[in-house]
């Protein structure tokens, strides 16, 4: 047998082996799908009412203004036929190169073959031409109100993104080339990754974004030294060990969002806001919220305020012996912090000296991108889900936020994992992104209905613990950070909420980048800058137009602001006291708990 024959035989054996693996994986795939739970249709997509409204508006538009529709169609036909003729002419002349490509750059098609191969370039150009035509047609439909138009544009774009030729094996040149190079092994590994993800999510598809074996909370994430000094059913209170000989007298408490876990602020040493704060000479406490199960079904916003915020503030005062504290609220925790501060004002409680709000919405009149999920169809689906289960499974929030950036957090990772057969990257931020939490049934409905949909806090109508505070009741000095490209808490909406607060001392900062990167932006990286404007907060656009840009992180600016409101220097405090012995090392136990994995 010749060497060439041996090589071909080896390739055949490898191919047959891969086919056997595919057969076994297919059996696991079918078994995993059989476990798929029944999910309310309204949690899978918008109701048919939206599409019926769009269809009716389109038909009415066509009847009243047929020339506009005809113009759209002719423009689309003209561009696609022109491209077809150019491609045909190139082939007829023997040129195995694509015609001129005037489509805009797109990271989904950055591979060389999308540009140089006639077939794949043709598919790419036709897709981009069609995408533009669909977007224009949707944008120009008349007779829809602003909210329905926004939702139609969003969900239409979801369909456009889903139908990208990069998302299908037969039209993805990189995936096909990888399959040939590996004799099909890349597809076997991809199927293994797909089956693993479906098995891990009870028949649902949720792409694994990061290597789960690369990180362990408390070992290479959330490693800033500290102790759990208090625990109740709602949270663990972590006090971090000082790294300076003296500290500011006024302690600082961070309330992170309970939609995710607190260690986004303590990923690794180089980008840990928690470590940085401790290094600036502050006695820092962080609340680590419980990851609830069905037993928390009746826990609502009242319990988060009383058993969470007010209890944490009281415990910190006891431990440090100080009468006042400074507080930070991030995202939903900032929204609830505003409620808490308004409640404390009405009760005459002056325990808080200053407040910092990070990417916080308190005025939901403009809900931003996430508003497409706050209509009656989705909220009705959530209500039915939590009534049945007692809590909102972390799966739903994770999927929702992923589809706000579908190309980055769904399709591109899926292509890498399922079509290229690559292992998920060891990326700490993406690992945290996949480590979600559940939400109590009562709380999630109160938050989504009362605060997000009905905007009751901004209207002064949201009842908390028997009181109805308004934003005007937030009267202490405050510092607020919003993020320029935030897809969860739109910066203009954040600005408007802060503007309505009653404080006479407000500092508003607009950071570059998004919901996470704009906040977790250490000075050492010198990556994203920020905008400031000492003028009055009257209009978001005017404020932005007149703002001054500063290179680098907002952290030092905030540190200087906080220093002025944190009192004299006192000897550094060790975690806890005689009445608050250590209950365990940071990051504690609540941050590791995932009850739905049991």
Protein backbone atom coordinates (compact mmCIF):
# COMPACT_ATOMS: atom_id res chain seq x y z
CA UNK A 1 0.00 0.00 0.00
CA UNK A 2 1.38 3.41 -0.97
CA UNK A 3 1.77 6.33 1.40
CA UNK A 4 -1.01 8.11 -0.49
CA UNK A 5 -3.32 5.12 0.00
CA UNK A 6 -2.51 5.02 3.70
CA UNK A 7 -3.29 8.72 4.00
CA UNK A 8 -6.64 8.30 2.24
CA UNK A 9 -7.47 5.30 4.42
CA UNK A 10 -6.66 7.29 7.56
CA UNK A 11 -8.90 10.11 6.36
CA UNK A 12 -11.72 7.63 5.70
CA UNK A 13 -11.35 6.10 9.17
CA UNK A 14 -11.42 9.55 10.72
CA UNK A 15 -14.52 10.47 8.73
CA UNK A 16 -16.30 7.24 9.72
CA UNK A 17 -15.36 7.83 13.34
CA UNK A 18 -16.81 11.33 13.18
CA UNK A 19 -20.01 10.00 11.62
CA UNK A 20 -20.37 7.53 14.50
CA UNK A 21 -19.94 10.39 16.97
CA UNK A 22 -22.56 12.41 15.11
CA UNK A 23 -25.02 9.50 15.39
CA UNK A 24 -24.53 9.23 19.16
CA UNK A 25 -24.72 12.98 19.60
CA UNK A 26 -27.92 13.07 17.56
CA UNK A 27 -29.49 10.62 20.02
CA UNK A 28 -28.49 12.87 22.93
CA UNK A 29 -29.79 15.88 21.00
CA UNK A 30 -33.23 14.33 20.56
CA UNK A 31 -33.31 13.24 24.22
CA UNK A 32 -32.39 16.75 25.38
CA UNK A 33 -35.10 18.34 23.23
CA UNK A 34 -37.64 15.93 24.71
CA UNK A 35 -37.07 17.56 28.11
CA UNK A 36 -38.00 20.99 26.80
CA UNK A 37 -40.54 22.64 29.06
CA UNK A 38 -43.63 24.42 27.87
CA UNK A 39 -42.98 28.17 27.81
CA UNK A 40 -45.66 30.81 27.48
CA UNK A 41 -45.75 31.93 23.81
CA UNK A 42 -45.55 35.56 24.90
CA UNK A 43 -42.12 34.89 26.39
CA UNK A 44 -40.92 33.60 23.03
CA UNK A 45 -41.82 36.66 20.97
CA UNK A 46 -44.32 39.51 20.60
CA UNK A 47 -48.02 38.77 20.29
CA UNK A 48 -49.64 38.51 16.88
CA UNK A 49 -51.36 41.81 17.57
CA UNK A 50 -48.18 43.71 16.74
CA UNK A 51 -47.83 42.07 13.35
CA UNK A 52 -51.54 42.50 12.62
CA UNK A 53 -51.21 46.22 13.34
CA UNK A 54 -48.16 46.41 11.07
CA UNK A 55 -49.91 44.50 8.28
CA UNK A 56 -52.99 46.68 8.51
CA UNK A 57 -50.88 49.84 8.47
CA UNK A 58 -48.87 48.60 5.50
CA UNK A 59 -52.02 47.72 3.53
CA UNK A 60 -53.60 51.08 4.35
CA UNK A 61 -50.40 52.80 3.28
CA UNK A 62 -50.36 50.84 0.04
CA UNK A 63 -53.97 51.75 -0.75
CA UNK A 64 -53.59 55.43 0.06
CA UNK A 65 -50.10 55.92 -1.38
CA UNK A 66 -49.35 53.14 -3.88
CA UNK A 67 -46.59 55.14 -5.56
CA UNK A 68 -44.49 55.06 -2.37
CA UNK A 69 -44.72 51.26 -2.11
CA UNK A 70 -44.03 50.87 -5.82
CA UNK A 71 -41.02 53.14 -5.48
CA UNK A 72 -39.64 51.02 -2.65
CA UNK A 73 -40.08 47.83 -4.64
CA UNK A 74 -38.55 49.25 -7.83
CA UNK A 75 -35.54 50.55 -5.91
CA UNK A 76 -35.02 47.12 -4.31
CA UNK A 77 -35.54 45.23 -7.59
CA UNK A 78 -33.21 47.62 -9.38
CA UNK A 79 -30.34 47.14 -6.93
CA UNK A 80 -30.66 43.35 -6.74
CA UNK A 81 -31.05 42.84 -10.50
CA UNK A 82 -28.15 45.20 -11.21
CA UNK A 83 -25.97 43.19 -8.83
CA UNK A 84 -27.11 39.92 -10.43
CA UNK A 85 -26.25 41.17 -13.93
CA UNK A 86 -22.83 42.40 -12.77
CA UNK A 87 -22.07 39.03 -11.20
CA UNK A 88 -23.20 37.19 -14.34
CA UNK A 89 -21.09 39.40 -16.58
CA UNK A 90 -18.03 38.76 -14.42
CA UNK A 91 -18.51 35.01 -14.68
CA UNK A 92 -19.24 35.14 -18.41
CA UNK A 93 -15.98 36.97 -19.02
CA UNK A 94 -14.10 34.26 -17.17
CA UNK A 95 -13.35 36.42 -14.15
CA UNK A 96 -13.68 34.34 -11.00
CA UNK A 97 -13.92 37.49 -8.92
CA UNK A 98 -16.98 39.30 -7.59
CA UNK A 99 -18.19 42.59 -9.06
CA UNK A 100 -17.70 45.87 -7.25
CA UNK A 101 -18.90 45.67 -3.65
CA UNK A 102 -20.37 48.92 -2.34
CA UNK A 103 -22.12 47.40 0.68
CA UNK A 104 -21.06 48.83 4.05
CA UNK A 105 -18.47 47.06 6.23
CA UNK A 106 -19.98 44.47 8.54
CA UNK A 107 -18.04 42.48 11.18
CA UNK A 108 -20.16 39.40 10.44
CA UNK A 109 -18.52 39.24 7.00
CA UNK A 110 -14.94 40.11 7.85
CA UNK A 111 -13.50 36.84 6.50
CA UNK A 112 -11.57 37.04 3.23
CA UNK A 113 -13.83 34.69 1.28
CA UNK A 114 -16.83 36.98 1.81
CA UNK A 115 -14.94 39.53 -0.28
CA UNK A 116 -13.04 37.42 -2.81
CA UNK A 117 -15.22 34.39 -3.57
CA UNK A 118 -17.90 35.17 -6.20
CA UNK A 119 -20.54 32.89 -4.66
CA UNK A 120 -20.18 34.00 -1.05
CA UNK A 121 -19.75 37.65 -1.97
CA UNK A 122 -22.93 37.43 -4.06
CA UNK A 123 -24.88 35.98 -1.13
CA UNK A 124 -23.49 38.59 1.24
CA UNK A 125 -24.36 41.52 -1.04
CA UNK A 126 -27.86 40.22 -1.72
CA UNK A 127 -28.46 39.77 2.01
CA UNK A 128 -27.28 43.29 2.85
CA UNK A 129 -29.35 44.80 0.01
CA UNK A 130 -32.43 42.92 1.19
CA UNK A 131 -31.79 43.90 4.82
CA UNK A 132 -31.63 47.58 3.90
CA UNK A 133 -34.85 47.30 1.87
CA UNK A 134 -36.70 45.65 4.77
CA UNK A 135 -35.49 48.22 7.28
CA UNK A 136 -36.53 51.09 5.01
CA UNK A 137 -39.94 49.56 4.34
CA UNK A 138 -40.61 49.10 8.05
CA UNK A 139 -39.32 52.56 8.89
CA UNK A 140 -41.62 54.22 6.38
CA UNK A 141 -44.86 52.50 7.40
CA UNK A 142 -47.35 55.15 8.44
CA UNK A 143 -50.22 54.84 10.88
CA UNK A 144 -48.35 53.20 13.79
CA UNK A 145 -47.88 54.85 17.16
CA UNK A 146 -44.32 55.42 18.37
CA UNK A 147 -44.25 52.43 20.72
CA UNK A 148 -45.54 49.94 18.14
CA UNK A 149 -43.15 51.36 15.54
CA UNK A 150 -40.19 50.90 17.89
CA UNK A 151 -41.18 47.32 18.64
CA UNK A 152 -41.77 46.52 14.98
CA UNK A 153 -38.36 47.90 14.01
CA UNK A 154 -36.68 45.95 16.81
CA UNK A 155 -38.29 42.57 16.07
CA UNK A 156 -37.90 43.05 12.33
CA UNK A 157 -34.20 43.60 12.92
CA UNK A 158 -34.14 40.41 15.00
CA UNK A 159 -35.45 38.48 11.99
CA UNK A 160 -32.98 40.20 9.67
CA UNK A 161 -30.07 39.33 11.97
CA UNK A 162 -31.23 35.75 12.35
CA UNK A 163 -31.33 35.24 8.57
CA UNK A 164 -27.73 36.32 8.01
CA UNK A 165 -25.95 33.86 5.68
CA UNK A 166 -23.15 33.71 8.27
CA UNK A 167 -25.58 31.89 10.59
CA UNK A 168 -26.02 28.88 8.28
CA UNK A 169 -23.42 26.23 7.56
CA UNK A 170 -24.17 26.00 3.82
CA UNK A 171 -23.54 29.72 3.33
CA UNK A 172 -20.71 30.31 5.78
CA UNK A 173 -17.37 29.91 3.96
CA UNK A 174 -15.23 29.87 7.12
CA UNK A 175 -17.29 27.10 8.70
CA UNK A 176 -17.27 25.05 5.50
CA UNK A 177 -13.51 25.47 5.11
CA UNK A 178 -12.96 24.41 8.73
CA UNK A 179 -15.13 21.31 8.19
CA UNK A 180 -13.06 20.30 5.14
CA UNK A 181 -9.75 20.96 6.89
CA UNK A 182 -10.71 18.79 9.87
CA UNK A 183 -12.51 16.00 7.97
CA UNK A 184 -15.71 16.97 9.72
CA UNK A 185 -14.26 17.03 13.23
CA UNK A 186 -15.14 20.72 13.68
CA UNK A 187 -18.79 19.87 13.05
CA UNK A 188 -18.64 17.00 15.54
CA UNK A 189 -17.20 19.31 18.20
CA UNK A 190 -19.81 21.90 17.27
CA UNK A 191 -22.60 19.36 17.72
CA UNK A 192 -21.09 18.38 21.06
CA UNK A 193 -21.19 22.03 22.13
CA UNK A 194 -24.78 22.39 20.91
CA UNK A 195 -25.99 19.27 22.73
CA UNK A 196 -24.19 20.35 25.90
CA UNK A 197 -25.92 23.74 25.89
CA UNK A 198 -29.37 22.25 25.24
CA UNK A 199 -28.90 19.65 27.97
CA UNK A 200 -27.76 22.34 30.41
CA UNK A 201 -30.89 24.43 29.77
CA UNK A 202 -33.58 21.73 29.83
CA UNK A 203 -34.15 21.64 26.10
CA UNK A 204 -33.81 25.38 25.52
CA UNK A 205 -30.93 26.86 23.55
CA UNK A 206 -28.79 29.35 25.45
CA UNK A 207 -25.29 29.71 24.04
CA UNK A 208 -22.45 29.24 26.52
CA UNK A 209 -20.42 32.44 26.22
CA UNK A 210 -17.38 31.57 28.35
CA UNK A 211 -15.40 28.56 29.49
CA UNK A 212 -17.13 27.58 32.74
CA UNK A 213 -14.13 25.58 33.91
CA UNK A 214 -11.75 28.53 33.60
CA UNK A 215 -13.17 30.47 36.56
CA UNK A 216 -14.25 29.86 40.10
CA UNK A 217 -15.78 32.57 42.25
CA UNK A 218 -13.60 33.11 45.28
CA UNK A 219 -10.51 31.63 43.63
CA UNK A 220 -9.78 33.66 40.49
CA UNK A 221 -12.84 35.93 40.57
CA UNK A 222 -14.12 37.99 43.53
CA UNK A 223 -10.83 37.60 45.42
CA UNK A 224 -10.59 40.93 47.26
CA UNK A 225 -10.06 39.94 50.94
CA UNK A 226 -12.98 40.47 53.28
CA UNK A 227 -15.41 38.82 55.67
CA UNK A 228 -19.14 38.17 55.76
CA UNK A 229 -20.16 40.09 58.88
CA UNK A 230 -23.95 39.78 58.69
CA UNK A 231 -26.48 37.52 57.02
CA UNK A 232 -30.26 37.37 56.77
CA UNK A 233 -32.61 35.73 54.29
CA UNK A 234 -32.14 38.56 51.77
CA UNK A 235 -28.39 39.24 51.71
CA UNK A 236 -24.92 38.68 53.07
CA UNK A 237 -23.05 41.80 54.14
CA UNK A 238 -19.37 41.72 53.19
CA UNK A 239 -16.88 44.05 54.87
CA UNK A 240 -13.59 44.27 53.01
CA UNK A 241 -10.22 44.20 54.76
CA UNK A 242 -8.41 47.56 54.72
CA UNK A 243 -5.20 48.00 52.76
CA UNK A 244 -4.34 51.43 54.16
CA UNK A 245 -3.31 52.39 57.71
CA UNK A 246 -6.11 54.92 58.00
CA UNK A 247 -9.54 55.19 56.37
CA UNK A 248 -12.21 57.82 55.96
CA UNK A 249 -14.56 57.87 58.94
CA UNK A 250 -17.76 57.54 56.88
CA UNK A 251 -18.24 53.98 55.62
CA UNK A 252 -19.40 53.19 52.09
CA UNK A 253 -22.05 50.61 51.15
CA UNK A 254 -22.50 49.30 47.59
CA UNK A 255 -25.91 47.89 46.66
CA UNK A 256 -25.39 45.90 43.43
CA UNK A 257 -28.28 44.73 41.24
CA UNK A 258 -29.89 41.43 42.24
CA UNK A 259 -30.61 40.62 38.59
CA UNK A 260 -26.94 39.58 38.43
CA UNK A 261 -24.25 38.83 41.00
CA UNK A 262 -22.17 41.49 42.74
CA UNK A 263 -18.77 40.28 41.56
CA UNK A 264 -19.05 42.22 38.30
CA UNK A 265 -17.43 44.87 40.54
CA UNK A 266 -14.69 42.43 41.60
CA UNK A 267 -13.81 40.31 38.59
CA UNK A 268 -10.01 40.40 38.65
CA UNK A 269 -7.61 42.60 40.57
CA UNK A 270 -6.77 44.77 37.54
CA UNK A 271 -10.41 45.75 36.90
CA UNK A 272 -11.97 45.47 40.37
CA UNK A 273 -13.84 48.57 41.47
CA UNK A 274 -14.11 47.02 44.94
CA UNK A 275 -10.35 46.60 45.28
CA UNK A 276 -9.80 50.12 43.95
CA UNK A 277 -12.19 51.65 46.50
CA UNK A 278 -10.53 49.81 49.38
CA UNK A 279 -7.17 51.05 48.12
CA UNK A 280 -8.43 54.66 48.27
CA UNK A 281 -8.86 54.35 52.04
CA UNK A 282 -12.54 53.56 52.54
CA UNK A 283 -14.28 51.13 54.87
CA UNK A 284 -16.23 49.29 52.21
CA UNK A 285 -19.30 47.10 52.64
CA UNK A 286 -20.98 45.28 49.76
CA UNK A 287 -24.39 43.61 49.77
CA UNK A 288 -24.45 40.14 48.20
CA UNK A 289 -28.08 39.31 47.46
CA UNK A 290 -29.63 35.86 47.82
CA UNK A 291 -30.39 33.94 44.64
CA UNK A 292 -34.06 33.20 45.35
CA UNK A 293 -36.09 30.07 44.74
CA UNK A 294 -39.85 29.44 44.89
CA UNK A 295 -39.90 29.98 48.68
CA UNK A 296 -39.33 33.70 47.99
CA UNK A 297 -42.50 34.02 45.88
CA UNK A 298 -44.11 36.61 48.19
CA UNK A 299 -40.98 38.74 48.61
CA UNK A 300 -41.61 42.13 47.05
CA UNK A 301 -40.03 45.57 46.86
CA UNK A 302 -41.00 46.25 50.50
CA UNK A 303 -38.84 43.35 51.66
CA UNK A 304 -35.90 44.41 49.51
CA UNK A 305 -36.07 47.87 51.11
CA UNK A 306 -36.68 46.87 54.74
CA UNK A 307 -34.77 43.58 55.02
CA UNK A 308 -32.19 44.72 52.48
CA UNK A 309 -31.34 48.41 52.30
CA UNK A 310 -32.48 49.65 55.71
CA UNK A 311 -31.08 46.60 57.49
CA UNK A 312 -27.71 46.90 55.73
CA UNK A 313 -27.45 50.60 56.61
CA UNK A 314 -28.32 49.88 60.25
CA UNK A 315 -25.80 47.04 60.52
CA UNK A 316 -23.00 49.15 59.03
CA UNK A 317 -23.74 51.93 61.49
CA UNK A 318 -23.56 49.43 64.36
CA UNK A 319 -20.28 47.90 63.16
CA UNK A 320 -18.50 51.21 62.50
CA UNK A 321 -20.08 53.31 65.24
CA UNK A 322 -20.83 56.02 62.69
CA UNK A 323 -24.15 57.85 62.51
CA UNK A 324 -24.06 58.27 58.73
CA UNK A 325 -22.99 56.25 55.72
CA UNK A 326 -22.45 56.86 52.00
CA UNK A 327 -24.25 54.57 49.56
CA UNK A 328 -23.97 53.38 45.96
CA UNK A 329 -26.75 51.80 43.86
CA UNK A 330 -26.15 50.09 40.52
CA UNK A 331 -28.92 49.58 37.92
CA UNK A 332 -32.10 48.19 39.57
CA UNK A 333 -30.39 48.61 42.94
CA UNK A 334 -30.04 52.30 42.14
CA UNK A 335 -33.74 52.52 41.32
CA UNK A 336 -34.58 50.91 44.65
CA UNK A 337 -32.02 53.10 46.41
CA UNK A 338 -33.95 56.16 45.19
CA UNK A 339 -37.12 54.65 46.66
CA UNK A 340 -35.32 53.94 49.93
CA UNK A 341 -33.90 57.46 50.19
CA UNK A 342 -37.32 58.95 49.51
CA UNK A 343 -38.81 56.71 52.20
CA UNK A 344 -36.09 57.70 54.69
CA UNK A 345 -36.73 61.37 53.98
CA UNK A 346 -40.41 60.95 54.76
CA UNK A 347 -39.53 59.14 57.97
CA UNK A 348 -36.99 61.75 59.03
CA UNK A 349 -34.10 59.28 58.85
CA UNK A 350 -30.86 61.08 57.96
CA UNK A 351 -28.53 58.05 58.11
CA UNK A 352 -27.27 58.57 54.54
CA UNK A 353 -24.81 61.37 53.85
CA UNK A 354 -24.51 61.04 50.05
CA UNK A 355 -25.64 58.70 47.26
CA UNK A 356 -24.07 57.51 44.02
CA UNK A 357 -26.22 56.14 41.20
CA UNK A 358 -24.64 53.94 38.52
CA UNK A 359 -26.62 53.39 35.26
CA UNK A 360 -29.84 53.97 37.16
CA UNK A 361 -33.33 54.54 35.78
CA UNK A 362 -35.86 56.30 37.98
CA UNK A 363 -37.87 57.89 35.17
CA UNK A 364 -39.09 55.24 32.74
CA UNK A 365 -40.99 57.57 30.40
CA UNK A 366 -38.37 56.63 27.81
CA UNK A 367 -37.56 52.97 28.43
CA UNK A 368 -34.76 52.73 25.89
CA UNK A 369 -34.06 49.53 23.95
CA UNK A 370 -35.32 47.27 26.73
CA UNK A 371 -38.73 48.93 26.40
CA UNK A 372 -39.65 46.56 23.56
CA UNK A 373 -40.02 43.87 26.26
CA UNK A 374 -42.23 45.97 28.53
CA UNK A 375 -45.47 45.73 26.58
CA UNK A 376 -48.55 43.90 27.78
CA UNK A 377 -47.82 40.69 25.89
CA UNK A 378 -44.41 40.08 27.51
CA UNK A 379 -45.45 41.26 30.97
CA UNK A 380 -48.55 39.08 30.84
CA UNK A 381 -46.34 36.12 29.94
CA UNK A 382 -44.01 36.89 32.85
CA UNK A 383 -46.93 37.15 35.27
CA UNK A 384 -48.23 33.75 34.23
CA UNK A 385 -44.73 32.24 34.46
CA UNK A 386 -44.01 33.51 37.98
CA UNK A 387 -47.50 32.66 39.22
CA UNK A 388 -46.83 29.07 38.18
CA UNK A 389 -43.20 28.78 39.35
CA UNK A 390 -42.96 31.28 42.23
CA UNK A 391 -40.00 33.06 40.64
CA UNK A 392 -38.67 34.18 37.27
CA UNK A 393 -35.98 31.75 36.19
CA UNK A 394 -32.63 33.38 35.37
CA UNK A 395 -32.89 31.82 31.89
CA UNK A 396 -35.46 34.42 30.80
CA UNK A 397 -33.50 37.50 31.87
CA UNK A 398 -30.28 36.11 30.41
CA UNK A 399 -31.93 35.43 27.07
CA UNK A 400 -33.67 38.81 26.99
CA UNK A 401 -30.48 40.79 27.62
CA UNK A 402 -28.58 38.64 25.11
CA UNK A 403 -31.06 39.45 22.36
CA UNK A 404 -30.61 43.16 22.96
CA UNK A 405 -27.19 42.52 21.39
CA UNK A 406 -28.03 39.45 19.35
CA UNK A 407 -25.12 39.51 16.92
CA UNK A 408 -22.55 39.83 19.72
CA UNK A 409 -24.14 37.63 22.39
CA UNK A 410 -26.10 35.05 20.38
CA UNK A 411 -25.15 34.54 16.73
CA UNK A 412 -21.42 35.18 16.74
CA UNK A 413 -20.82 32.92 19.79
CA UNK A 414 -23.13 30.29 18.25
CA UNK A 415 -21.15 30.31 15.00
CA UNK A 416 -17.87 29.93 16.89
CA UNK A 417 -19.19 27.17 19.10
CA UNK A 418 -21.58 25.15 16.90
CA UNK A 419 -20.22 25.64 13.38
CA UNK A 420 -16.51 26.16 13.97
CA UNK A 421 -16.34 23.69 16.86
CA UNK A 422 -14.38 26.07 19.08
CA UNK A 423 -14.46 25.97 22.86
CA UNK A 424 -15.92 29.04 24.57
CA UNK A 425 -13.24 31.61 25.49
CA UNK A 426 -11.88 32.06 29.02
CA UNK A 427 -13.38 35.54 29.39
CA UNK A 428 -14.25 36.68 32.92
CA UNK A 429 -16.90 39.23 31.90
CA UNK A 430 -18.75 36.70 29.73
CA UNK A 431 -18.51 34.12 32.52
CA UNK A 432 -20.22 36.57 34.89
CA UNK A 433 -22.79 37.36 32.20
CA UNK A 434 -23.82 33.69 32.18
CA UNK A 435 -23.97 33.42 35.97
CA UNK A 436 -27.42 34.91 36.39
CA UNK A 437 -29.94 34.95 39.21
CA UNK A 438 -33.64 34.28 39.69
CA UNK A 439 -36.14 36.97 40.66
CA UNK A 440 -38.95 36.60 43.24
CA UNK A 441 -42.44 36.46 41.73
CA UNK A 442 -43.97 39.40 43.62
CA UNK A 443 -40.91 41.62 43.26
CA UNK A 444 -40.52 41.15 39.50
CA UNK A 445 -44.16 42.00 38.82
CA UNK A 446 -44.05 45.08 41.07
CA UNK A 447 -40.87 46.26 39.41
CA UNK A 448 -41.89 45.65 35.80
CA UNK A 449 -45.49 46.85 36.20
CA UNK A 450 -45.25 49.64 38.73
CA UNK A 451 -41.83 51.10 38.01
CA UNK A 452 -41.00 50.23 34.39
CA UNK A 453 -44.37 50.12 32.62
CA UNK A 454 -46.43 52.55 34.70
CA UNK A 455 -43.51 54.82 35.73
CA UNK A 456 -44.99 55.34 39.18
CA UNK A 457 -41.79 56.46 40.92
CA UNK A 458 -41.34 59.43 38.59
CA UNK A 459 -45.02 60.24 39.03
CA UNK A 460 -44.76 60.00 42.83
CA UNK A 461 -47.30 57.18 42.91
CA UNK A 462 -45.25 54.09 43.86
CA UNK A 463 -46.07 52.91 47.37
CA UNK A 464 -43.23 51.46 49.41
CA UNK A 465 -43.54 50.40 53.05
CA UNK A 466 -46.74 52.40 53.49
CA UNK A 467 -45.32 55.62 52.05
CA UNK A 468 -45.40 57.16 48.57
CA UNK A 469 -42.08 58.94 48.04
CA UNK A 470 -41.25 60.98 44.98
CA UNK A 471 -37.97 61.81 43.28
CA UNK A 472 -38.13 65.25 44.89
CA UNK A 473 -37.67 63.51 48.25
CA UNK A 474 -34.11 62.51 47.24
CA UNK A 475 -32.45 65.64 48.61
CA UNK A 476 -28.95 64.63 49.70
CA UNK A 477 -25.78 65.22 47.63
CA UNK A 478 -25.60 62.81 44.73
CA UNK A 479 -23.26 61.64 42.00
CA UNK A 480 -24.66 59.80 38.97
CA UNK A 481 -22.95 57.92 36.14
CA UNK A 482 -24.74 56.94 32.93
CA UNK A 483 -23.21 55.19 29.92
CA UNK A 484 -23.34 56.52 26.38
CA UNK A 485 -24.24 53.28 24.55
CA UNK A 486 -26.13 51.59 27.40
CA UNK A 487 -28.77 49.26 25.91
CA UNK A 488 -30.41 48.57 29.29
CA UNK A 489 -30.51 51.96 31.02
CA UNK A 490 -30.55 54.62 28.30
CA UNK A 491 -28.42 57.57 29.42
CA UNK A 492 -30.99 60.22 28.52
CA UNK A 493 -33.59 58.46 30.66
CA UNK A 494 -31.08 58.21 33.50
CA UNK A 495 -30.36 61.93 33.11
CA UNK A 496 -34.05 62.81 33.29
CA UNK A 497 -34.56 60.82 36.49
CA UNK A 498 -31.57 62.44 38.20
CA UNK A 499 -32.72 65.86 36.97
CA UNK A 500 -36.07 65.39 38.75
CA UNK A 501 -34.50 64.54 42.11
CA UNK A 502 -34.76 67.17 44.83
CA UNK A 503 -31.06 67.43 45.60
CA UNK A 504 -29.41 70.83 45.19
CA UNK A 505 -26.00 69.16 44.80
CA UNK A 506 -25.89 66.94 41.71
CA UNK A 507 -22.95 65.71 39.68
CA UNK A 508 -23.82 63.87 36.48
CA UNK A 509 -21.18 62.03 34.45
CA UNK A 510 -21.64 60.40 31.05
CA UNK A 511 -19.18 57.57 30.51
CA UNK A 512 -18.25 56.19 27.13
CA UNK A 513 -19.27 52.60 26.29
CA UNK A 514 -22.14 50.51 27.67
CA UNK A 515 -23.88 49.22 30.77
CA UNK A 516 -20.92 47.21 32.05
CA UNK A 517 -17.79 48.44 30.27
CA UNK A 518 -18.64 52.06 31.02
CA UNK A 519 -18.73 51.29 34.75
CA UNK A 520 -16.02 48.64 35.05
CA UNK A 521 -13.45 50.99 33.55
CA UNK A 522 -10.31 51.12 35.71
CA UNK A 523 -7.98 54.12 35.37
CA UNK A 524 -5.04 51.87 34.55
CA UNK A 525 -6.58 50.79 31.23
CA UNK A 526 -7.08 54.35 29.95
CA UNK A 527 -9.75 52.93 27.67
CA UNK A 528 -13.00 54.88 27.89
CA UNK A 529 -13.36 58.55 28.63
CA UNK A 530 -16.25 60.51 30.14
CA UNK A 531 -18.16 63.78 29.83
CA UNK A 532 -18.98 66.34 32.51
CA UNK A 533 -20.94 69.57 32.57
CA UNK A 534 -21.23 71.78 35.63
CA UNK A 535 -24.17 73.63 34.15
CA UNK A 536 -27.81 73.08 35.11
CA UNK A 537 -29.46 69.75 34.25
CA UNK A 538 -32.32 71.00 32.09
CA UNK A 539 -32.17 69.07 28.83
CA UNK A 540 -30.14 65.94 28.09
CA UNK A 541 -29.20 66.92 24.55
CA UNK A 542 -28.16 70.44 25.54
CA UNK A 543 -26.16 69.05 28.48
CA UNK A 544 -24.34 66.64 26.15
CA UNK A 545 -23.68 69.29 23.49
CA UNK A 546 -22.07 71.62 26.04
CA UNK A 547 -20.24 68.91 28.03
CA UNK A 548 -16.46 68.63 28.34
CA UNK A 549 -14.77 65.37 27.38
CA UNK A 550 -12.12 63.87 29.66
CA UNK A 551 -9.75 61.07 28.76
CA UNK A 552 -9.81 58.01 30.99
CA UNK A 553 -12.00 56.59 33.73
CA UNK A 554 -14.54 58.46 35.82
CA UNK A 555 -13.36 56.59 38.96
CA UNK A 556 -10.80 59.22 40.12
CA UNK A 557 -13.35 62.02 39.60
CA UNK A 558 -15.86 60.16 41.73
CA UNK A 559 -13.15 59.38 44.30
CA UNK A 560 -12.38 63.07 44.70
CA UNK A 561 -16.11 63.86 45.07
CA UNK A 562 -16.62 61.10 47.63
CA UNK A 563 -13.55 62.09 49.64
CA UNK A 564 -15.12 65.47 50.41
CA UNK A 565 -18.15 63.72 51.89
CA UNK A 566 -16.41 60.95 53.84
CA UNK A 567 -15.08 62.71 56.93
CA UNK A 568 -11.74 62.70 58.68
CA UNK A 569 -9.16 59.92 58.71
CA UNK A 570 -9.46 57.25 61.43
CA UNK A 571 -7.47 54.06 62.12
CA UNK A 572 -8.31 51.33 59.59
CA UNK A 573 -11.14 49.07 60.71
CA UNK A 574 -10.86 45.31 60.73
CA UNK A 575 -14.02 43.54 59.45
CA UNK A 576 -16.78 43.00 61.99
CA UNK A 577 -16.84 43.51 65.76
CA UNK A 578 -17.72 41.49 68.87
CA UNK A 579 -21.40 41.50 67.88
CA UNK A 580 -20.60 40.78 64.24
CA UNK A 581 -18.11 37.91 64.12
CA UNK A 582 -16.98 36.58 60.78
CA UNK A 583 -19.51 34.24 59.16
CA UNK A 584 -17.02 33.28 56.46
CA UNK A 585 -14.55 34.70 54.02
CA UNK A 586 -15.57 36.93 51.12
CA UNK A 587 -17.21 36.49 48.65
CA UNK A 588 -19.55 34.49 50.92
CA UNK A 589 -22.02 31.72 50.12
CA UNK A 590 -24.99 33.53 48.55
CA UNK A 591 -22.98 34.50 45.46
CA UNK A 592 -22.24 30.84 44.72
CA UNK A 593 -25.78 29.55 45.24
CA UNK A 594 -27.79 28.63 42.14
CA UNK A 595 -30.94 26.94 43.49
CA UNK A 596 -32.30 25.91 40.10
CA UNK A 597 -29.15 23.84 39.51
CA UNK A 598 -30.00 21.54 42.44
